[in-house]
């Protein structure tokens, strides 16, 4: 039981870290992101390649996984938000994909924490019962 508690605690920490990072990225893109018009140059399923011009006039080609269900077609113009500090960080304008993924990881972290606490309590109860039974067996019949 201690192994399950430890593994679930480790999973909780990983999921909690990913959730925190996802919420940070979402906040960063909402506050620091720059909107731009982009032209779709290639579509492969949900993978979209597009070209856009930054506020400073630099032409950038970016690849992204298009999370909304309405995947654009080649030559479509779409609005995107890009990170001016990292031009490879691009998402469809108004997309909340980072927030959704962060929420999923947060729920997983909460479930993992509950499993970890439950198995730790169970392990303690099993240990106490075994100790009590061992002392009773050692003392012998009264």
Protein backbone atom coordinates (compact mmCIF):
# COMPACT_ATOMS: atom_id res chain seq x y z
CA UNK A 1 0.00 0.00 0.00
CA UNK A 2 2.89 2.34 0.69
CA UNK A 3 4.09 1.86 -2.88
CA UNK A 4 0.67 2.83 -4.25
CA UNK A 5 0.62 5.86 -1.95
CA UNK A 6 4.08 6.92 -3.08
CA UNK A 7 3.40 6.42 -6.78
CA UNK A 8 0.10 8.29 -6.60
CA UNK A 9 1.81 11.11 -4.67
CA UNK A 10 4.47 11.31 -7.38
CA UNK A 11 1.73 11.39 -10.04
CA UNK A 12 -0.02 14.11 -8.04
CA UNK A 13 3.13 16.21 -8.05
CA UNK A 14 3.65 15.76 -11.79
CA UNK A 15 0.02 16.55 -12.64
CA UNK A 16 0.00 19.50 -10.24
CA UNK A 17 3.14 20.90 -11.86
CA UNK A 18 1.67 20.49 -15.35
CA UNK A 19 -1.56 22.15 -14.20
CA UNK A 20 0.31 25.11 -12.74
CA UNK A 21 2.37 25.49 -15.91
CA UNK A 22 -0.76 25.29 -18.08
CA UNK A 23 -2.53 27.98 -16.05
CA UNK A 24 0.60 30.14 -16.20
CA UNK A 25 0.88 29.76 -20.00
CA UNK A 26 -2.81 30.59 -20.41
CA UNK A 27 -2.44 33.71 -18.24
CA UNK A 28 0.77 34.72 -20.03
CA UNK A 29 -0.82 34.40 -23.47
CA UNK A 30 -3.92 36.32 -22.31
CA UNK A 31 -1.85 39.20 -20.93
CA UNK A 32 1.27 39.27 -23.15
CA UNK A 33 0.08 37.58 -26.35
CA UNK A 34 -0.25 39.59 -29.54
CA UNK A 35 -3.06 39.05 -32.03
CA UNK A 36 -2.27 38.78 -35.72
CA UNK A 37 -3.85 37.66 -38.94
CA UNK A 38 -2.27 34.49 -40.35
CA UNK A 39 -2.58 32.62 -43.63
CA UNK A 40 -2.84 28.82 -43.53
CA UNK A 41 -0.21 27.27 -45.78
CA UNK A 42 -0.63 23.57 -44.98
CA UNK A 43 -3.16 21.35 -43.20
CA UNK A 44 -2.53 17.74 -42.18
CA UNK A 45 -5.42 16.56 -40.02
CA UNK A 46 -5.29 18.83 -36.96
CA UNK A 47 -1.71 19.96 -37.69
CA UNK A 48 -1.78 23.42 -39.24
CA UNK A 49 1.13 25.37 -40.70
CA UNK A 50 0.62 29.08 -41.09
CA UNK A 51 2.49 32.27 -41.92
CA UNK A 52 2.02 35.52 -40.05
CA UNK A 53 3.77 38.85 -39.69
CA UNK A 54 4.75 40.07 -36.22
CA UNK A 55 4.17 43.60 -34.97
CA UNK A 56 7.82 44.33 -35.82
CA UNK A 57 7.29 43.18 -39.43
CA UNK A 58 9.03 39.80 -39.21
CA UNK A 59 7.48 37.01 -41.32
CA UNK A 60 7.10 33.83 -39.26
CA UNK A 61 6.05 30.30 -40.17
CA UNK A 62 4.53 28.36 -37.30
CA UNK A 63 3.18 24.85 -36.83
CA UNK A 64 0.44 24.18 -34.31
CA UNK A 65 -2.10 21.57 -33.32
CA UNK A 66 -5.44 23.20 -34.10
CA UNK A 67 -7.59 22.52 -31.04
CA UNK A 68 -10.94 24.04 -32.14
CA UNK A 69 -13.06 21.63 -34.14
CA UNK A 70 -13.29 23.88 -37.19
CA UNK A 71 -9.88 23.22 -38.75
CA UNK A 72 -9.19 25.84 -41.43
CA UNK A 73 -8.27 25.04 -45.02
CA UNK A 74 -5.18 26.04 -46.98
CA UNK A 75 -5.20 29.76 -47.92
CA UNK A 76 -7.74 30.61 -45.17
CA UNK A 77 -6.99 33.67 -43.07
CA UNK A 78 -7.29 33.07 -39.34
CA UNK A 79 -6.69 35.18 -36.27
CA UNK A 80 -3.98 33.88 -33.95
CA UNK A 81 -2.29 34.93 -30.74
CA UNK A 82 1.48 34.60 -30.53
CA UNK A 83 3.97 35.08 -27.73
CA UNK A 84 6.26 38.00 -28.64
CA UNK A 85 9.04 36.43 -26.53
CA UNK A 86 8.75 33.01 -28.23
CA UNK A 87 7.38 33.19 -31.76
CA UNK A 88 6.95 29.40 -31.86
CA UNK A 89 4.22 29.71 -29.19
CA UNK A 90 1.09 30.29 -31.31
CA UNK A 91 -2.55 29.42 -30.77
CA UNK A 92 -5.87 30.33 -32.36
CA UNK A 93 -7.13 33.64 -31.03
CA UNK A 94 -9.52 33.14 -28.12
CA UNK A 95 -8.52 29.51 -27.67
CA UNK A 96 -8.62 28.21 -24.12
CA UNK A 97 -6.77 24.96 -24.82
CA UNK A 98 -4.11 25.60 -22.16
CA UNK A 99 -6.76 26.30 -19.54
CA UNK A 100 -8.71 23.15 -20.45
CA UNK A 101 -5.62 20.93 -20.30
CA UNK A 102 -4.52 22.56 -17.05
CA UNK A 103 -7.94 21.89 -15.54
CA UNK A 104 -7.75 18.21 -16.58
CA UNK A 105 -4.30 17.92 -14.97
CA UNK A 106 -5.60 19.66 -11.83
CA UNK A 107 -8.47 17.16 -11.56
CA UNK A 108 -5.98 14.30 -12.03
CA UNK A 109 -3.78 15.78 -9.31
CA UNK A 110 -6.74 15.98 -6.92
CA UNK A 111 -7.72 12.37 -7.62
CA UNK A 112 -4.10 11.29 -7.15
CA UNK A 113 -3.93 13.13 -3.84
CA UNK A 114 -7.11 11.42 -2.64
CA UNK A 115 -5.73 8.01 -3.67
CA UNK A 116 -2.43 8.77 -1.94
CA UNK A 117 -4.11 9.84 1.29
CA UNK A 118 -6.52 6.90 1.20
CA UNK A 119 -3.80 4.30 0.66
CA UNK A 120 -1.55 5.91 3.31
CA UNK A 121 -4.39 5.77 5.86
CA UNK A 122 -5.14 2.19 4.81
CA UNK A 123 -1.47 1.23 5.19
CA UNK A 124 -1.38 2.74 8.68
CA UNK A 125 -4.54 0.88 9.70
CA UNK A 126 -3.18 -2.42 8.32
CA UNK A 127 0.13 -1.87 10.13
CA UNK A 128 -1.67 -1.18 13.44
CA UNK A 129 -3.85 -4.27 13.05
CA UNK A 130 -0.84 -6.47 12.27
CA UNK A 131 1.09 -5.05 15.24
CA UNK A 132 -1.88 -5.61 17.54
CA UNK A 133 -2.26 -9.20 16.28
CA UNK A 134 1.48 -9.85 16.65
CA UNK A 135 1.48 -8.55 20.25
CA UNK A 136 -1.57 -10.68 21.04
CA UNK A 137 0.10 -13.77 19.56
CA UNK A 138 3.34 -13.05 21.44
CA UNK A 139 1.55 -12.64 24.76
CA UNK A 140 -0.19 -15.94 24.30
CA UNK A 141 -3.56 -16.97 25.75
CA UNK A 142 -4.61 -15.35 29.04
